[in-house]
């Protein structure tokens, strides 16, 4: 019984830790969006998008409102968005997306994670060419005529559309476009009164790296360490 309790406690802690990380990431995204476009979601498409993403991770509305109010204040930290490139063990290319108020601290931490986990931090441009920056919208497919929507979105920058499953196994409709068409596609969905479950940019690898399980585990350990850093927003990689 004691072992079962410890396992449950570990799972609950991991879940809480992951949620806290998601809330921190959304909080920084809110700050960046408000600084660039103001605190009114009606006039700030980027902020509307972040609010949708906050709902997707079950961030309470009062926390979202507080983050917006805080971001509109004069004493809020200014976050610089920096993309780092590197390699995990066994040649897995990695992009590390950060939002930081102290780039010196961040680059030191990121380099340290790479060095201690069998990887190496690379120079700008070393691995970015292996990825394509895309806008990615995820929708609840219920009630959507997918053929009709696809024909409509083709004129608004649609690159590809298909079905997938979310983290909880729920069906999702995934829509991708070139990042340059992100705003256009977001407006097209809004004009159709379709509210995405989430709307973000992602770096999609063009050539996945196939590895045996033991090698993949080593690469994933480095990626996990990077994701735990407080300045890291998201990590993208080529591991299949």
Protein backbone atom coordinates (compact mmCIF):
# COMPACT_ATOMS: atom_id res chain seq x y z
CA UNK A 1 0.00 0.00 0.00
CA UNK A 2 2.84 2.36 0.87
CA UNK A 3 4.46 1.86 -2.52
CA UNK A 4 1.15 2.56 -4.30
CA UNK A 5 0.73 5.75 -2.27
CA UNK A 6 4.25 6.89 -3.17
CA UNK A 7 3.60 6.19 -6.85
CA UNK A 8 0.37 8.18 -6.79
CA UNK A 9 2.10 11.03 -4.97
CA UNK A 10 4.86 11.06 -7.59
CA UNK A 11 2.31 11.14 -10.43
CA UNK A 12 0.38 13.97 -8.76
CA UNK A 13 3.58 15.95 -8.18
CA UNK A 14 4.65 15.48 -11.80
CA UNK A 15 1.23 16.61 -13.00
CA UNK A 16 1.28 19.66 -10.72
CA UNK A 17 4.82 20.53 -11.80
CA UNK A 18 3.83 20.29 -15.46
CA UNK A 19 0.77 22.49 -14.91
CA UNK A 20 2.85 25.08 -13.05
CA UNK A 21 5.30 25.15 -15.97
CA UNK A 22 2.46 25.62 -18.45
CA UNK A 23 1.01 28.49 -16.41
CA UNK A 24 4.44 30.15 -16.24
CA UNK A 25 4.84 29.84 -20.01
CA UNK A 26 1.37 31.28 -20.65
CA UNK A 27 2.09 34.12 -18.19
CA UNK A 28 5.20 35.11 -20.15
CA UNK A 29 3.28 34.83 -23.44
CA UNK A 30 0.63 37.18 -22.01
CA UNK A 31 3.28 39.69 -20.96
CA UNK A 32 4.92 39.63 -24.39
CA UNK A 33 1.56 39.97 -26.18
CA UNK A 34 0.37 42.85 -23.96
CA UNK A 35 3.68 44.71 -24.29
CA UNK A 36 3.44 44.49 -28.08
CA UNK A 37 -0.27 45.04 -28.66
CA UNK A 38 -1.97 46.30 -25.51
CA UNK A 39 -4.24 44.67 -22.87
CA UNK A 40 -7.51 44.57 -24.88
CA UNK A 41 -7.99 41.15 -26.52
CA UNK A 42 -10.51 42.64 -28.97
CA UNK A 43 -7.73 44.73 -30.52
CA UNK A 44 -4.85 42.33 -29.93
CA UNK A 45 -4.98 39.07 -31.96
CA UNK A 46 -1.83 37.77 -30.26
CA UNK A 47 -3.41 38.20 -26.83
CA UNK A 48 -6.62 36.49 -27.99
CA UNK A 49 -4.51 33.56 -29.11
CA UNK A 50 -2.70 33.32 -25.77
CA UNK A 51 -6.00 33.47 -23.87
CA UNK A 52 -7.24 30.52 -25.96
CA UNK A 53 -4.08 28.62 -25.09
CA UNK A 54 -4.59 29.44 -21.41
CA UNK A 55 -8.02 27.83 -21.58
CA UNK A 56 -6.50 24.78 -23.27
CA UNK A 57 -4.27 24.13 -20.23
CA UNK A 58 -7.11 24.95 -17.78
CA UNK A 59 -5.49 28.12 -16.47
CA UNK A 60 -8.11 29.84 -14.24
CA UNK A 61 -9.66 33.01 -15.67
CA UNK A 62 -8.71 35.05 -12.60
CA UNK A 63 -5.05 34.13 -13.15
CA UNK A 64 -5.28 35.13 -16.81
CA UNK A 65 -6.92 38.46 -15.92
CA UNK A 66 -4.31 39.10 -13.23
CA UNK A 67 -1.50 38.35 -15.68
CA UNK A 68 -2.95 40.80 -18.23
CA UNK A 69 -3.31 43.52 -15.59
CA UNK A 70 0.21 42.86 -14.34
CA UNK A 71 1.62 42.94 -17.88
CA UNK A 72 0.02 46.33 -18.50
CA UNK A 73 1.85 47.81 -15.49
CA UNK A 74 5.07 49.77 -15.73
CA UNK A 75 7.12 47.52 -13.46
CA UNK A 76 6.62 44.31 -15.42
CA UNK A 77 9.76 42.60 -16.67
CA UNK A 78 10.50 42.84 -20.38
CA UNK A 79 11.08 39.39 -21.78
CA UNK A 80 13.41 38.86 -24.71
CA UNK A 81 12.58 35.92 -26.94
CA UNK A 82 15.74 34.00 -27.88
CA UNK A 83 16.06 30.78 -29.87
CA UNK A 84 19.02 28.51 -29.08
CA UNK A 85 20.20 25.65 -31.27
CA UNK A 86 22.08 22.51 -30.38
CA UNK A 87 22.44 18.77 -30.52
CA UNK A 88 21.25 16.13 -28.09
CA UNK A 89 23.09 12.79 -27.94
CA UNK A 90 23.22 10.73 -31.16
CA UNK A 91 22.81 13.69 -33.50
CA UNK A 92 19.28 14.76 -32.54
CA UNK A 93 18.87 18.42 -33.52
CA UNK A 94 17.24 20.64 -30.89
CA UNK A 95 15.69 24.12 -30.91
CA UNK A 96 15.22 25.76 -27.51
CA UNK A 97 12.71 28.60 -27.38
CA UNK A 98 13.21 30.92 -24.41
CA UNK A 99 11.68 34.08 -22.95
CA UNK A 100 14.06 35.76 -20.55
CA UNK A 101 14.77 38.96 -18.69
CA UNK A 102 18.41 37.88 -18.27
CA UNK A 103 19.97 36.41 -21.46
CA UNK A 104 23.35 35.87 -19.75
CA UNK A 105 21.73 33.61 -17.14
CA UNK A 106 19.67 31.80 -19.74
CA UNK A 107 22.45 30.98 -22.19
CA UNK A 108 24.60 29.75 -19.28
CA UNK A 109 21.84 27.46 -18.03
CA UNK A 110 21.03 26.12 -21.50
CA UNK A 111 24.70 25.46 -22.28
CA UNK A 112 25.11 23.70 -18.93
CA UNK A 113 22.18 21.35 -19.65
CA UNK A 114 23.62 20.43 -23.04
CA UNK A 115 27.11 19.84 -21.66
CA UNK A 116 25.99 17.73 -18.70
CA UNK A 117 23.71 15.50 -20.76
CA UNK A 118 25.92 14.50 -23.66
CA UNK A 119 24.92 17.25 -26.07
CA UNK A 120 26.33 20.56 -27.20
CA UNK A 121 25.06 24.07 -27.77
CA UNK A 122 25.60 25.09 -31.39
CA UNK A 123 25.85 28.41 -33.22
CA UNK A 124 22.86 30.18 -34.70
CA UNK A 125 21.77 28.59 -37.97
CA UNK A 126 23.37 25.24 -37.25
CA UNK A 127 20.12 23.27 -36.98
CA UNK A 128 17.31 25.74 -37.70
CA UNK A 129 17.34 24.78 -41.38
CA UNK A 130 16.08 21.32 -40.35
CA UNK A 131 12.82 22.84 -39.13
CA UNK A 132 9.94 24.74 -40.67
CA UNK A 133 8.23 27.38 -38.53
CA UNK A 134 4.49 26.92 -38.87
CA UNK A 135 1.26 28.15 -37.37
CA UNK A 136 -0.63 25.27 -35.77
CA UNK A 137 -4.30 25.44 -34.81
CA UNK A 138 -6.06 22.62 -32.94
CA UNK A 139 -9.85 22.41 -33.02
CA UNK A 140 -12.56 20.17 -31.63
CA UNK A 141 -13.76 18.39 -34.81
CA UNK A 142 -17.32 17.89 -33.50
CA UNK A 143 -19.84 19.49 -35.86
CA UNK A 144 -17.24 20.61 -38.40
CA UNK A 145 -17.62 19.75 -42.09
CA UNK A 146 -13.92 19.13 -42.72
CA UNK A 147 -14.13 19.13 -46.52
CA UNK A 148 -15.97 22.45 -46.52
CA UNK A 149 -13.55 23.98 -43.99
CA UNK A 150 -10.53 22.79 -45.94
CA UNK A 151 -11.78 24.37 -49.17
CA UNK A 152 -12.47 27.62 -47.31
CA UNK A 153 -9.07 27.76 -45.61
CA UNK A 154 -7.06 27.01 -48.74
CA UNK A 155 -7.63 30.63 -49.77
CA UNK A 156 -6.36 31.81 -46.38
CA UNK A 157 -2.98 30.09 -46.21
CA UNK A 158 -3.85 26.50 -45.28
CA UNK A 159 -0.86 24.19 -45.73
CA UNK A 160 -2.23 20.92 -44.33
CA UNK A 161 -5.12 19.65 -42.24
CA UNK A 162 -5.68 16.32 -40.54
CA UNK A 163 -6.97 14.54 -37.46
CA UNK A 164 -4.92 13.76 -34.37
CA UNK A 165 -5.44 13.04 -30.69
CA UNK A 166 -4.78 15.30 -27.73
CA UNK A 167 -2.85 14.48 -24.57
CA UNK A 168 -5.97 12.97 -22.99
CA UNK A 169 -6.81 10.92 -26.08
CA UNK A 170 -9.51 13.31 -27.30
CA UNK A 171 -9.91 13.79 -31.09
CA UNK A 172 -8.50 17.00 -32.53
CA UNK A 173 -8.47 18.64 -35.93
CA UNK A 174 -4.96 19.96 -36.60
CA UNK A 175 -4.55 22.80 -39.09
CA UNK A 176 -1.13 24.03 -40.19
CA UNK A 177 0.03 26.99 -42.23
CA UNK A 178 3.22 28.83 -42.99
CA UNK A 179 3.97 31.12 -40.05
CA UNK A 180 3.74 34.10 -42.41
CA UNK A 181 0.04 33.24 -42.88
CA UNK A 182 -0.68 32.78 -39.15
CA UNK A 183 -2.67 36.00 -38.69
CA UNK A 184 -4.62 35.49 -41.90
CA UNK A 185 -5.64 31.95 -40.93
CA UNK A 186 -6.51 32.99 -37.38
CA UNK A 187 -8.86 35.67 -38.74
CA UNK A 188 -10.40 33.18 -41.19
CA UNK A 189 -11.26 30.84 -38.31
CA UNK A 190 -12.66 33.72 -36.27
CA UNK A 191 -14.83 34.77 -39.24
CA UNK A 192 -16.24 31.23 -39.22
CA UNK A 193 -16.88 31.53 -35.45
CA UNK A 194 -14.47 28.67 -34.82
CA UNK A 195 -12.53 28.96 -31.57
CA UNK A 196 -9.37 26.82 -31.56
CA UNK A 197 -8.49 24.69 -28.57
CA UNK A 198 -5.01 26.15 -29.02
CA UNK A 199 -3.20 28.28 -31.57
CA UNK A 200 0.58 28.46 -31.55
CA UNK A 201 3.63 28.45 -33.73
CA UNK A 202 5.67 25.28 -33.83
CA UNK A 203 8.95 24.27 -35.41
CA UNK A 204 8.19 21.16 -37.45
CA UNK A 205 11.22 19.06 -38.33
CA UNK A 206 11.59 18.22 -42.01
CA UNK A 207 13.75 15.08 -41.56
CA UNK A 208 13.02 13.07 -38.38
CA UNK A 209 15.87 11.16 -36.70
CA UNK A 210 15.22 7.45 -36.12
CA UNK A 211 17.02 5.97 -33.10
CA UNK A 212 16.91 2.71 -31.15
CA UNK A 213 15.08 2.94 -27.82
CA UNK A 214 18.15 3.25 -25.58
CA UNK A 215 19.63 6.05 -27.68
CA UNK A 216 16.28 7.84 -27.91
CA UNK A 217 15.99 7.72 -24.12
CA UNK A 218 19.33 9.54 -23.75
CA UNK A 219 18.21 12.29 -26.14
CA UNK A 220 14.86 12.64 -24.37
CA UNK A 221 16.57 13.01 -20.99
CA UNK A 222 18.41 16.09 -22.26
CA UNK A 223 15.20 17.48 -23.76
CA UNK A 224 13.38 16.93 -20.45
CA UNK A 225 16.12 18.79 -18.53
CA UNK A 226 15.84 21.73 -20.92
CA UNK A 227 12.06 21.87 -20.53
CA UNK A 228 12.44 22.15 -16.75
CA UNK A 229 14.44 25.39 -16.97
CA UNK A 230 12.36 28.39 -15.90
CA UNK A 231 13.43 30.48 -18.92
CA UNK A 232 12.61 27.80 -21.48
CA UNK A 233 9.21 28.10 -23.14
CA UNK A 234 9.30 25.10 -25.45
CA UNK A 235 11.75 22.63 -26.95
CA UNK A 236 11.53 21.24 -30.48
CA UNK A 237 13.60 18.34 -31.81
CA UNK A 238 14.06 15.98 -34.74
CA UNK A 239 13.64 12.73 -32.80
CA UNK A 240 10.99 10.59 -34.52
